């Protein structure tokens, strides 16, 4: 009986370990007003105010035509472009701003074009481009961000891990229940 209990506890530990390892840090809540970000296009200064940011997120990020993940249900969605303090840009946001400064004024058409220009660039999420990270529910500007929606290959790897655990349980059962 003791041997079976040890095998069950060992199996439970092996199942729980990946979940604990993949847990992410708590993200700060967004401020009531997003900061105004300044950039230059052809020597002209442009400001992206709170209302422009809100329109960008509702018209582009929350639009299933561009991003498949439901970011509108995530209260920290502004971290897609802002850093954890919500006062400046993260690396993805800085790259987006660079593309916008090459495109023009902060109209929705120009912001959409700048967003599309950043899609296929490698993100800080290992193994993902910016659009793949966004579609998977990860923040492309943060290396600690983990995708919420797993790729099919990851799901197959998880199936392999489950099969290995079950096979391990059978092996342990026969090892501990050998007649001596």
C-alpha atoms as a PDB file:
ATOM      1  CA  UNK A   1       0.000   0.000   0.000  1.00  0.00           C
ATOM      2  CA  UNK A   2       2.855   2.359   0.887  1.00  0.00           C
ATOM      3  CA  UNK A   3       4.485   1.777  -2.492  1.00  0.00           C
ATOM      4  CA  UNK A   4       1.306   2.631  -4.386  1.00  0.00           C
ATOM      5  CA  UNK A   5       0.898   5.820  -2.347  1.00  0.00           C
ATOM      6  CA  UNK A   6       4.490   6.831  -3.178  1.00  0.00           C
ATOM      7  CA  UNK A   7       3.871   6.138  -6.890  1.00  0.00           C
ATOM      8  CA  UNK A   8       0.657   8.202  -6.865  1.00  0.00           C
ATOM      9  CA  UNK A   9       2.304  11.134  -5.070  1.00  0.00           C
ATOM     10  CA  UNK A  10       5.260  11.029  -7.443  1.00  0.00           C
ATOM     11  CA  UNK A  11       2.889  11.037 -10.434  1.00  0.00           C
ATOM     12  CA  UNK A  12       0.909  13.977  -9.033  1.00  0.00           C
ATOM     13  CA  UNK A  13       4.127  15.934  -8.516  1.00  0.00           C
ATOM     14  CA  UNK A  14       5.200  15.283 -12.114  1.00  0.00           C
ATOM     15  CA  UNK A  15       1.819  16.462 -13.389  1.00  0.00           C
ATOM     16  CA  UNK A  16       1.757  19.642 -11.260  1.00  0.00           C
ATOM     17  CA  UNK A  17       5.367  20.736 -11.864  1.00  0.00           C
ATOM     18  CA  UNK A  18       4.873  22.126 -15.424  1.00  0.00           C
ATOM     19  CA  UNK A  19       1.825  24.132 -14.368  1.00  0.00           C
ATOM     20  CA  UNK A  20       3.716  25.782 -11.527  1.00  0.00           C
ATOM     21  CA  UNK A  21       6.722  26.468 -13.748  1.00  0.00           C
ATOM     22  CA  UNK A  22       4.565  28.202 -16.371  1.00  0.00           C
ATOM     23  CA  UNK A  23       2.716  30.506 -13.973  1.00  0.00           C
ATOM     24  CA  UNK A  24       3.290  34.158 -14.801  1.00  0.00           C
ATOM     25  CA  UNK A  25       3.737  37.195 -12.638  1.00  0.00           C
ATOM     26  CA  UNK A  26       0.870  39.434 -11.624  1.00  0.00           C
ATOM     27  CA  UNK A  27       0.517  42.327 -14.029  1.00  0.00           C
ATOM     28  CA  UNK A  28      -0.284  45.839 -12.822  1.00  0.00           C
ATOM     29  CA  UNK A  29      -3.723  47.275 -13.541  1.00  0.00           C
ATOM     30  CA  UNK A  30      -3.861  49.962 -16.225  1.00  0.00           C
ATOM     31  CA  UNK A  31      -4.178  53.628 -15.264  1.00  0.00           C
ATOM     32  CA  UNK A  32      -7.427  55.477 -15.841  1.00  0.00           C
ATOM     33  CA  UNK A  33      -5.730  57.624 -18.499  1.00  0.00           C
ATOM     34  CA  UNK A  34      -2.965  56.364 -20.773  1.00  0.00           C
ATOM     35  CA  UNK A  35       0.070  58.612 -21.241  1.00  0.00           C
ATOM     36  CA  UNK A  36       0.463  60.825 -24.266  1.00  0.00           C
ATOM     37  CA  UNK A  37       3.331  59.622 -26.448  1.00  0.00           C
ATOM     38  CA  UNK A  38       5.146  62.043 -28.753  1.00  0.00           C
ATOM     39  CA  UNK A  39       6.860  61.139 -32.023  1.00  0.00           C
ATOM     40  CA  UNK A  40       8.039  62.934 -35.151  1.00  0.00           C
ATOM     41  CA  UNK A  41       7.226  62.438 -38.825  1.00  0.00           C
ATOM     42  CA  UNK A  42       9.058  64.578 -41.411  1.00  0.00           C
ATOM     43  CA  UNK A  43      10.009  67.081 -38.711  1.00  0.00           C
ATOM     44  CA  UNK A  44       6.431  67.490 -37.472  1.00  0.00           C
ATOM     45  CA  UNK A  45       5.615  66.594 -33.880  1.00  0.00           C
ATOM     46  CA  UNK A  46       2.620  64.320 -33.302  1.00  0.00           C
ATOM     47  CA  UNK A  47       1.047  63.209 -30.031  1.00  0.00           C
ATOM     48  CA  UNK A  48      -0.862  60.007 -29.401  1.00  0.00           C
ATOM     49  CA  UNK A  49      -3.313  60.823 -26.621  1.00  0.00           C
ATOM     50  CA  UNK A  50      -5.468  58.564 -24.463  1.00  0.00           C
ATOM     51  CA  UNK A  51      -8.430  58.735 -26.859  1.00  0.00           C
ATOM     52  CA  UNK A  52      -6.237  57.773 -29.840  1.00  0.00           C
ATOM     53  CA  UNK A  53      -4.805  54.803 -27.921  1.00  0.00           C
ATOM     54  CA  UNK A  54      -8.287  53.641 -26.920  1.00  0.00           C
ATOM     55  CA  UNK A  55      -9.460  53.915 -30.550  1.00  0.00           C
ATOM     56  CA  UNK A  56      -6.393  52.017 -31.759  1.00  0.00           C
ATOM     57  CA  UNK A  57      -6.996  49.166 -29.335  1.00  0.00           C
ATOM     58  CA  UNK A  58     -10.714  48.949 -30.059  1.00  0.00           C
ATOM     59  CA  UNK A  59     -10.353  49.244 -33.860  1.00  0.00           C
ATOM     60  CA  UNK A  60      -7.191  47.194 -34.442  1.00  0.00           C
ATOM     61  CA  UNK A  61      -6.172  45.007 -31.499  1.00  0.00           C
ATOM     62  CA  UNK A  62      -9.756  44.026 -30.638  1.00  0.00           C
ATOM     63  CA  UNK A  63     -10.617  43.505 -34.323  1.00  0.00           C
ATOM     64  CA  UNK A  64     -10.718  39.783 -35.243  1.00  0.00           C
ATOM     65  CA  UNK A  65      -9.624  40.740 -38.764  1.00  0.00           C
ATOM     66  CA  UNK A  66      -6.163  41.568 -37.382  1.00  0.00           C
ATOM     67  CA  UNK A  67      -5.798  39.677 -34.072  1.00  0.00           C
ATOM     68  CA  UNK A  68      -7.664  36.448 -33.318  1.00  0.00           C
ATOM     69  CA  UNK A  69      -7.178  36.451 -29.529  1.00  0.00           C
ATOM     70  CA  UNK A  70      -9.879  38.248 -27.506  1.00  0.00           C
ATOM     71  CA  UNK A  71      -7.769  41.058 -26.021  1.00  0.00           C
ATOM     72  CA  UNK A  72     -10.876  43.100 -25.135  1.00  0.00           C
ATOM     73  CA  UNK A  73     -11.486  40.642 -22.272  1.00  0.00           C
ATOM     74  CA  UNK A  74      -7.998  41.324 -20.843  1.00  0.00           C
ATOM     75  CA  UNK A  75      -7.812  44.409 -18.616  1.00  0.00           C
ATOM     76  CA  UNK A  76      -4.033  44.678 -19.093  1.00  0.00           C
ATOM     77  CA  UNK A  77      -4.212  44.735 -22.904  1.00  0.00           C
ATOM     78  CA  UNK A  78      -2.446  48.119 -23.011  1.00  0.00           C
ATOM     79  CA  UNK A  79       0.740  46.291 -21.996  1.00  0.00           C
ATOM     80  CA  UNK A  80       0.894  45.211 -25.633  1.00  0.00           C
ATOM     81  CA  UNK A  81       2.609  48.551 -26.303  1.00  0.00           C
ATOM     82  CA  UNK A  82       3.339  50.031 -22.846  1.00  0.00           C
ATOM     83  CA  UNK A  83       5.860  48.930 -20.229  1.00  0.00           C
ATOM     84  CA  UNK A  84       4.789  47.622 -16.817  1.00  0.00           C
ATOM     85  CA  UNK A  85       4.593  51.146 -15.378  1.00  0.00           C
ATOM     86  CA  UNK A  86       2.327  52.319 -18.224  1.00  0.00           C
ATOM     87  CA  UNK A  87       4.526  55.412 -18.584  1.00  0.00           C
ATOM     88  CA  UNK A  88       6.624  54.505 -21.623  1.00  0.00           C
ATOM     89  CA  UNK A  89       6.775  51.970 -24.414  1.00  0.00           C
ATOM     90  CA  UNK A  90       7.974  48.365 -24.203  1.00  0.00           C
ATOM     91  CA  UNK A  91      10.214  47.065 -27.044  1.00  0.00           C
ATOM     92  CA  UNK A  92       7.235  46.099 -29.217  1.00  0.00           C
ATOM     93  CA  UNK A  93       5.568  49.471 -28.585  1.00  0.00           C
ATOM     94  CA  UNK A  94       8.800  51.284 -29.468  1.00  0.00           C
ATOM     95  CA  UNK A  95       9.037  49.335 -32.728  1.00  0.00           C
ATOM     96  CA  UNK A  96       5.383  50.101 -33.479  1.00  0.00           C
ATOM     97  CA  UNK A  97       6.087  53.787 -32.808  1.00  0.00           C
ATOM     98  CA  UNK A  98       9.112  53.642 -35.127  1.00  0.00           C
ATOM     99  CA  UNK A  99       6.918  52.227 -37.904  1.00  0.00           C
ATOM    100  CA  UNK A 100       4.291  54.893 -37.215  1.00  0.00           C
ATOM    101  CA  UNK A 101       6.952  57.607 -37.412  1.00  0.00           C
ATOM    102  CA  UNK A 102       7.833  56.252 -40.871  1.00  0.00           C
ATOM    103  CA  UNK A 103       4.158  56.191 -41.903  1.00  0.00           C
ATOM    104  CA  UNK A 104       2.645  59.535 -40.873  1.00  0.00           C
ATOM    105  CA  UNK A 105       0.245  61.182 -38.461  1.00  0.00           C
ATOM    106  CA  UNK A 106      -1.610  59.092 -35.861  1.00  0.00           C
ATOM    107  CA  UNK A 107      -4.723  58.433 -37.926  1.00  0.00           C
ATOM    108  CA  UNK A 108      -6.359  55.033 -37.601  1.00  0.00           C
ATOM    109  CA  UNK A 109      -5.309  54.143 -41.173  1.00  0.00           C
ATOM    110  CA  UNK A 110      -1.649  54.976 -40.448  1.00  0.00           C
ATOM    111  CA  UNK A 111      -1.701  53.189 -37.091  1.00  0.00           C
ATOM    112  CA  UNK A 112      -3.194  50.112 -38.756  1.00  0.00           C
ATOM    113  CA  UNK A 113      -0.486  50.214 -41.447  1.00  0.00           C
ATOM    114  CA  UNK A 114       2.220  50.547 -38.782  1.00  0.00           C
ATOM    115  CA  UNK A 115       0.675  47.625 -36.892  1.00  0.00           C
ATOM    116  CA  UNK A 116       0.661  45.478 -40.037  1.00  0.00           C
ATOM    117  CA  UNK A 117       4.312  46.412 -40.649  1.00  0.00           C
ATOM    118  CA  UNK A 118       5.241  44.938 -37.260  1.00  0.00           C
ATOM    119  CA  UNK A 119       3.382  41.630 -37.666  1.00  0.00           C
ATOM    120  CA  UNK A 120       6.066  39.324 -39.030  1.00  0.00           C
ATOM    121  CA  UNK A 121       8.955  40.631 -36.944  1.00  0.00           C
ATOM    122  CA  UNK A 122      10.289  38.320 -34.227  1.00  0.00           C
ATOM    123  CA  UNK A 123       8.787  39.129 -30.827  1.00  0.00           C
ATOM    124  CA  UNK A 124      10.357  38.847 -27.371  1.00  0.00           C
ATOM    125  CA  UNK A 125       8.213  35.733 -26.804  1.00  0.00           C
ATOM    126  CA  UNK A 126      10.560  32.914 -27.771  1.00  0.00           C
ATOM    127  CA  UNK A 127       9.628  31.252 -31.063  1.00  0.00           C
ATOM    128  CA  UNK A 128       6.837  33.691 -31.957  1.00  0.00           C
ATOM    129  CA  UNK A 129       6.504  36.606 -34.339  1.00  0.00           C
ATOM    130  CA  UNK A 130       4.611  39.656 -33.073  1.00  0.00           C
ATOM    131  CA  UNK A 131       1.312  38.609 -34.634  1.00  0.00           C
ATOM    132  CA  UNK A 132       1.705  34.994 -33.505  1.00  0.00           C
ATOM    133  CA  UNK A 133       2.290  36.198 -29.941  1.00  0.00           C
ATOM    134  CA  UNK A 134      -0.760  38.471 -30.083  1.00  0.00           C
ATOM    135  CA  UNK A 135      -2.907  35.698 -31.571  1.00  0.00           C
ATOM    136  CA  UNK A 136      -1.741  33.380 -28.777  1.00  0.00           C
ATOM    137  CA  UNK A 137      -2.570  35.889 -26.020  1.00  0.00           C
ATOM    138  CA  UNK A 138       1.037  36.819 -25.215  1.00  0.00           C
ATOM    139  CA  UNK A 139       2.518  40.295 -24.943  1.00  0.00           C
ATOM    140  CA  UNK A 140       5.088  40.543 -27.779  1.00  0.00           C
ATOM    141  CA  UNK A 141       7.241  43.090 -25.942  1.00  0.00           C
ATOM    142  CA  UNK A 142       7.913  40.972 -22.841  1.00  0.00           C
ATOM    143  CA  UNK A 143      10.106  37.873 -22.749  1.00  0.00           C
ATOM    144  CA  UNK A 144       8.343  36.614 -19.595  1.00  0.00           C
ATOM    145  CA  UNK A 145       4.977  36.540 -21.365  1.00  0.00           C
ATOM    146  CA  UNK A 146       3.604  33.058 -22.001  1.00  0.00           C
ATOM    147  CA  UNK A 147       1.045  32.299 -24.722  1.00  0.00           C
ATOM    148  CA  UNK A 148      -2.443  31.590 -23.394  1.00  0.00           C
ATOM    149  CA  UNK A 149      -3.458  29.693 -26.521  1.00  0.00           C
ATOM    150  CA  UNK A 150      -1.037  26.821 -27.114  1.00  0.00           C
ATOM    151  CA  UNK A 151       0.209  25.902 -30.562  1.00  0.00           C
ATOM    152  CA  UNK A 152      -0.827  22.494 -31.873  1.00  0.00           C
ATOM    153  CA  UNK A 153       2.739  21.235 -31.587  1.00  0.00           C
ATOM    154  CA  UNK A 154       2.755  22.160 -27.902  1.00  0.00           C
ATOM    155  CA  UNK A 155      -0.512  20.284 -27.441  1.00  0.00           C
ATOM    156  CA  UNK A 156       1.048  17.208 -29.043  1.00  0.00           C
ATOM    157  CA  UNK A 157       4.035  17.537 -26.706  1.00  0.00           C
ATOM    158  CA  UNK A 158       1.649  17.627 -23.751  1.00  0.00           C
ATOM    159  CA  UNK A 159      -0.028  14.455 -25.024  1.00  0.00           C
ATOM    160  CA  UNK A 160       3.388  12.811 -25.172  1.00  0.00           C
ATOM    161  CA  UNK A 161       4.086  13.889 -21.593  1.00  0.00           C
ATOM    162  CA  UNK A 162       0.782  12.422 -20.411  1.00  0.00           C
ATOM    163  CA  UNK A 163       1.535   9.134 -22.186  1.00  0.00           C
ATOM    164  CA  UNK A 164       5.008   9.090 -20.597  1.00  0.00           C
ATOM    165  CA  UNK A 165       3.504   9.645 -17.124  1.00  0.00           C
ATOM    166  CA  UNK A 166       1.006   6.830 -17.603  1.00  0.00           C
ATOM    167  CA  UNK A 167       3.759   4.539 -18.894  1.00  0.00           C
ATOM    168  CA  UNK A 168       5.864   5.520 -15.883  1.00  0.00           C
ATOM    169  CA  UNK A 169       3.022   4.598 -13.552  1.00  0.00           C
ATOM    170  CA  UNK A 170       2.775   1.134 -15.150  1.00  0.00           C
ATOM    171  CA  UNK A 171       6.519   0.636 -14.833  1.00  0.00           C
ATOM    172  CA  UNK A 172       6.472   1.749 -11.190  1.00  0.00           C
ATOM    173  CA  UNK A 173       3.512  -0.532 -10.502  1.00  0.00           C
ATOM    174  CA  UNK A 174       5.318  -3.583 -11.843  1.00  0.00           C
ATOM    175  CA  UNK A 175       8.616  -2.674 -10.141  1.00  0.00           C
ATOM    176  CA  UNK A 176       6.999  -2.229  -6.717  1.00  0.00           C
ATOM    177  CA  UNK A 177       4.737  -5.266  -7.067  1.00  0.00           C
ATOM    178  CA  UNK A 178       7.366  -7.804  -8.101  1.00  0.00           C
ATOM    179  CA  UNK A 179       7.284 -11.009  -6.191  1.00  0.00           C
ATOM    180  CA  UNK A 180      10.547 -11.632  -4.435  1.00  0.00           C
END
